[in-house]
Amino acid sequence: MNVPDDLRYSAEHEWAKPLDLPSRVRVGITDFAQDALGDVVFVDLPQVGDTVAAGESVGELESTKSVSEMYAPVAGSVAAVNEALADNPGLINEDPYGEGWLLELDIADGALDALMDAAAYRQLTES
């Protein structure tokens, strides 16, 4: 299982990556989550400008196995969504930490401190 060291992780299997803008993070689901879901066939994302709370549902991922909620790992305002997923939701399976990202959030300073580092996330998924 791929767990990049430069990301932060939620217990609900989302990741957050700080971007060059000081208060913006890119969010997606982990390799563990995409593997458990199976082939993703549809993605329902929030609207740019929506405000979300940490742990709040921000959309759904539909796979050949089930429909699953996705959650905001941190609170913030939706700054961007990955429009490429509308035509190719399989990007989530192919490249969950790259082209398969879900959304970008503008967050408060220090918001990522509540998330797990890679070692803690590995421990969660191995137990």
C-alpha atoms as a PDB file:
ATOM      1  CA  MET A   1       0.000   0.000   0.000  1.00  0.00           C
ATOM      2  CA  ASN A   2       1.294   3.422  -0.983  1.00  0.00           C
ATOM      3  CA  VAL A   3       1.352   5.998   1.863  1.00  0.00           C
ATOM      4  CA  PRO A   4       3.404   9.064   0.840  1.00  0.00           C
ATOM      5  CA  ASP A   5       5.326  10.627   3.728  1.00  0.00           C
ATOM      6  CA  ASP A   6       4.650  14.233   2.644  1.00  0.00           C
ATOM      7  CA  LEU A   7       0.860  14.038   3.149  1.00  0.00           C
ATOM      8  CA  ARG A   8      -1.437  14.218   6.180  1.00  0.00           C
ATOM      9  CA  TYR A   9      -4.232  11.677   6.677  1.00  0.00           C
ATOM     10  CA  SER A  10      -7.684  11.387   8.255  1.00  0.00           C
ATOM     11  CA  ALA A  11      -9.145   8.322   9.941  1.00  0.00           C
ATOM     12  CA  GLU A  12     -11.743   8.271   7.132  1.00  0.00           C
ATOM     13  CA  HIS A  13      -8.952   7.613   4.576  1.00  0.00           C
ATOM     14  CA  GLU A  14      -8.639  11.048   3.003  1.00  0.00           C
ATOM     15  CA  TRP A  15      -5.310  12.762   2.474  1.00  0.00           C
ATOM     16  CA  ALA A  16      -4.386  16.452   2.457  1.00  0.00           C
ATOM     17  CA  LYS A  17      -1.351  17.993   0.795  1.00  0.00           C
ATOM     18  CA  PRO A  18      -0.249  21.593   1.394  1.00  0.00           C
ATOM     19  CA  LEU A  19       0.103  23.557  -1.853  1.00  0.00           C
ATOM     20  CA  ASP A  20       2.263  26.570  -2.679  1.00  0.00           C
ATOM     21  CA  LEU A  21      -0.454  28.922  -1.479  1.00  0.00           C
ATOM     22  CA  PRO A  22       0.051  29.128   2.291  1.00  0.00           C
ATOM     23  CA  SER A  23      -3.506  28.261   3.300  1.00  0.00           C
ATOM     24  CA  ARG A  24      -4.552  25.862   0.504  1.00  0.00           C
ATOM     25  CA  VAL A  25      -4.520  22.061   0.537  1.00  0.00           C
ATOM     26  CA  ARG A  26      -5.321  19.479  -2.109  1.00  0.00           C
ATOM     27  CA  VAL A  27      -7.518  16.592  -0.904  1.00  0.00           C
ATOM     28  CA  GLY A  28      -8.117  13.065  -2.161  1.00  0.00           C
ATOM     29  CA  ILE A  29      -8.723   9.530  -0.967  1.00  0.00           C
ATOM     30  CA  THR A  30      -5.893   7.194  -0.056  1.00  0.00           C
ATOM     31  CA  ASP A  31      -4.622   4.183  -1.948  1.00  0.00           C
ATOM     32  CA  PHE A  32      -6.136   2.047   0.832  1.00  0.00           C
ATOM     33  CA  ALA A  33      -9.568   3.639   0.273  1.00  0.00           C
ATOM     34  CA  GLN A  34      -9.549   3.388  -3.526  1.00  0.00           C
ATOM     35  CA  ASP A  35      -8.536  -0.266  -3.280  1.00  0.00           C
ATOM     36  CA  ALA A  36     -11.396  -0.991  -0.852  1.00  0.00           C
ATOM     37  CA  LEU A  37     -13.884   0.831  -3.104  1.00  0.00           C
ATOM     38  CA  GLY A  38     -13.008  -0.966  -6.311  1.00  0.00           C
ATOM     39  CA  ASP A  39     -13.432   0.687  -9.699  1.00  0.00           C
ATOM     40  CA  VAL A  40     -14.781   4.230  -9.230  1.00  0.00           C
ATOM     41  CA  VAL A  41     -17.434   4.979 -11.886  1.00  0.00           C
ATOM     42  CA  PHE A  42     -18.963   8.273 -10.686  1.00  0.00           C
ATOM     43  CA  VAL A  43     -17.915  11.189  -8.463  1.00  0.00           C
ATOM     44  CA  ASP A  44     -20.194  13.803  -6.876  1.00  0.00           C
ATOM     45  CA  LEU A  45     -18.097  16.792  -5.755  1.00  0.00           C
ATOM     46  CA  PRO A  46     -19.046  19.952  -3.829  1.00  0.00           C
ATOM     47  CA  GLN A  47     -19.342  23.365  -5.471  1.00  0.00           C
ATOM     48  CA  VAL A  48     -16.499  25.878  -5.483  1.00  0.00           C
ATOM     49  CA  GLY A  49     -17.250  28.359  -2.718  1.00  0.00           C
ATOM     50  CA  ASP A  50     -18.938  25.829  -0.411  1.00  0.00           C
ATOM     51  CA  THR A  51     -17.792  25.960   3.209  1.00  0.00           C
ATOM     52  CA  VAL A  52     -17.180  22.606   4.884  1.00  0.00           C
ATOM     53  CA  ALA A  53     -16.482  21.468   8.428  1.00  0.00           C
ATOM     54  CA  ALA A  54     -13.862  18.862   9.298  1.00  0.00           C
ATOM     55  CA  GLY A  55     -15.451  15.420   9.074  1.00  0.00           C
ATOM     56  CA  GLU A  56     -18.419  16.706   7.054  1.00  0.00           C
ATOM     57  CA  SER A  57     -19.536  14.818   3.959  1.00  0.00           C
ATOM     58  CA  VAL A  58     -18.412  16.671   0.832  1.00  0.00           C
ATOM     59  CA  GLY A  59     -19.709  14.277  -1.801  1.00  0.00           C
ATOM     60  CA  GLU A  60     -19.978  10.694  -2.897  1.00  0.00           C
ATOM     61  CA  LEU A  61     -17.861   8.164  -4.727  1.00  0.00           C
ATOM     62  CA  GLU A  62     -19.758   5.485  -6.610  1.00  0.00           C
ATOM     63  CA  SER A  63     -17.897   2.301  -7.458  1.00  0.00           C
ATOM     64  CA  THR A  64     -18.836  -1.020  -8.971  1.00  0.00           C
ATOM     65  CA  LYS A  65     -19.179  -2.288  -5.368  1.00  0.00           C
ATOM     66  CA  SER A  66     -20.954   0.532  -3.503  1.00  0.00           C
ATOM     67  CA  VAL A  67     -21.595   4.232  -2.955  1.00  0.00           C
ATOM     68  CA  SER A  68     -19.388   5.833  -0.300  1.00  0.00           C
ATOM     69  CA  GLU A  69     -19.370   9.242   1.317  1.00  0.00           C
ATOM     70  CA  MET A  70     -16.190  11.284   1.171  1.00  0.00           C
ATOM     71  CA  TYR A  71     -15.375  13.613   4.033  1.00  0.00           C
ATOM     72  CA  ALA A  72     -13.469  16.857   4.446  1.00  0.00           C
ATOM     73  CA  PRO A  73     -10.313  16.047   6.425  1.00  0.00           C
ATOM     74  CA  VAL A  74     -10.166  19.678   7.619  1.00  0.00           C
ATOM     75  CA  ALA A  75     -12.528  22.651   7.671  1.00  0.00           C
ATOM     76  CA  GLY A  76     -12.316  25.171   4.884  1.00  0.00           C
ATOM     77  CA  SER A  77     -13.763  26.720   1.775  1.00  0.00           C
ATOM     78  CA  VAL A  78     -13.795  24.768  -1.492  1.00  0.00           C
ATOM     79  CA  ALA A  79     -11.367  26.580  -3.803  1.00  0.00           C
ATOM     80  CA  ALA A  80     -11.315  24.067  -6.687  1.00  0.00           C
ATOM     81  CA  VAL A  81     -12.639  20.672  -7.723  1.00  0.00           C
ATOM     82  CA  ASN A  82     -11.007  18.201 -10.087  1.00  0.00           C
ATOM     83  CA  GLU A  83     -13.150  18.644 -13.216  1.00  0.00           C
ATOM     84  CA  ALA A  84     -11.290  15.801 -14.971  1.00  0.00           C
ATOM     85  CA  LEU A  85     -13.092  13.287 -12.727  1.00  0.00           C
ATOM     86  CA  ALA A  86     -16.429  14.030 -14.422  1.00  0.00           C
ATOM     87  CA  ASP A  87     -15.182  12.373 -17.616  1.00  0.00           C
ATOM     88  CA  ASN A  88     -12.701   9.964 -16.055  1.00  0.00           C
ATOM     89  CA  PRO A  89     -13.533   8.968 -12.455  1.00  0.00           C
ATOM     90  CA  GLY A  90     -11.123   6.032 -12.843  1.00  0.00           C
ATOM     91  CA  LEU A  91      -8.271   8.499 -12.258  1.00  0.00           C
ATOM     92  CA  ILE A  92      -8.972   7.964  -8.559  1.00  0.00           C
ATOM     93  CA  ASN A  93      -8.010   4.301  -8.918  1.00  0.00           C
ATOM     94  CA  GLU A  94      -5.135   4.908 -11.317  1.00  0.00           C
ATOM     95  CA  ASP A  95      -3.434   7.763  -9.457  1.00  0.00           C
ATOM     96  CA  PRO A  96      -5.081   8.539  -6.080  1.00  0.00           C
ATOM     97  CA  TYR A  97      -2.266  10.881  -4.960  1.00  0.00           C
ATOM     98  CA  GLY A  98      -1.823  12.643  -8.306  1.00  0.00           C
ATOM     99  CA  GLU A  99      -4.315  13.084 -11.139  1.00  0.00           C
ATOM    100  CA  GLY A 100      -7.083  11.499  -9.018  1.00  0.00           C
ATOM    101  CA  TRP A 101      -7.240  14.328  -6.464  1.00  0.00           C
ATOM    102  CA  LEU A 102     -10.758  15.454  -5.509  1.00  0.00           C
ATOM    103  CA  LEU A 103     -10.780  19.077  -4.341  1.00  0.00           C
ATOM    104  CA  GLU A 104      -8.760  21.953  -2.958  1.00  0.00           C
ATOM    105  CA  LEU A 105      -9.637  23.758   0.264  1.00  0.00           C
ATOM    106  CA  ASP A 106      -8.618  27.123   1.666  1.00  0.00           C
ATOM    107  CA  ILE A 107      -8.009  26.382   5.350  1.00  0.00           C
ATOM    108  CA  ALA A 108      -7.017  28.124   8.572  1.00  0.00           C
ATOM    109  CA  ASP A 109      -3.385  28.066   9.676  1.00  0.00           C
ATOM    110  CA  GLY A 110      -2.633  24.980  11.758  1.00  0.00           C
ATOM    111  CA  ALA A 111      -5.668  23.014  10.532  1.00  0.00           C
ATOM    112  CA  LEU A 112      -3.483  20.141   9.281  1.00  0.00           C
ATOM    113  CA  ASP A 113      -2.091  19.598  12.787  1.00  0.00           C
ATOM    114  CA  ALA A 114      -5.215  17.569  13.650  1.00  0.00           C
ATOM    115  CA  LEU A 115      -4.432  14.981  10.949  1.00  0.00           C
ATOM    116  CA  MET A 116      -2.187  11.921  11.134  1.00  0.00           C
ATOM    117  CA  ASP A 117       1.264  11.731   9.638  1.00  0.00           C
ATOM    118  CA  ALA A 118       2.158   8.822   7.330  1.00  0.00           C
ATOM    119  CA  ALA A 119       3.473   6.590  10.153  1.00  0.00           C
ATOM    120  CA  ALA A 120       0.271   6.959  12.181  1.00  0.00           C
ATOM    121  CA  TYR A 121      -1.879   6.294   9.089  1.00  0.00           C
ATOM    122  CA  ARG A 122       0.129   3.147   8.250  1.00  0.00           C
ATOM    123  CA  GLN A 123      -0.456   1.941  11.816  1.00  0.00           C
ATOM    124  CA  LEU A 124      -4.215   2.607  11.459  1.00  0.00           C
ATOM    125  CA  THR A 125      -4.520   0.632   8.227  1.00  0.00           C
ATOM    126  CA  GLU A 126      -2.392  -2.271   9.419  1.00  0.00           C
ATOM    127  CA  SER A 127      -4.427  -2.867  12.589  1.00  0.00           C
END
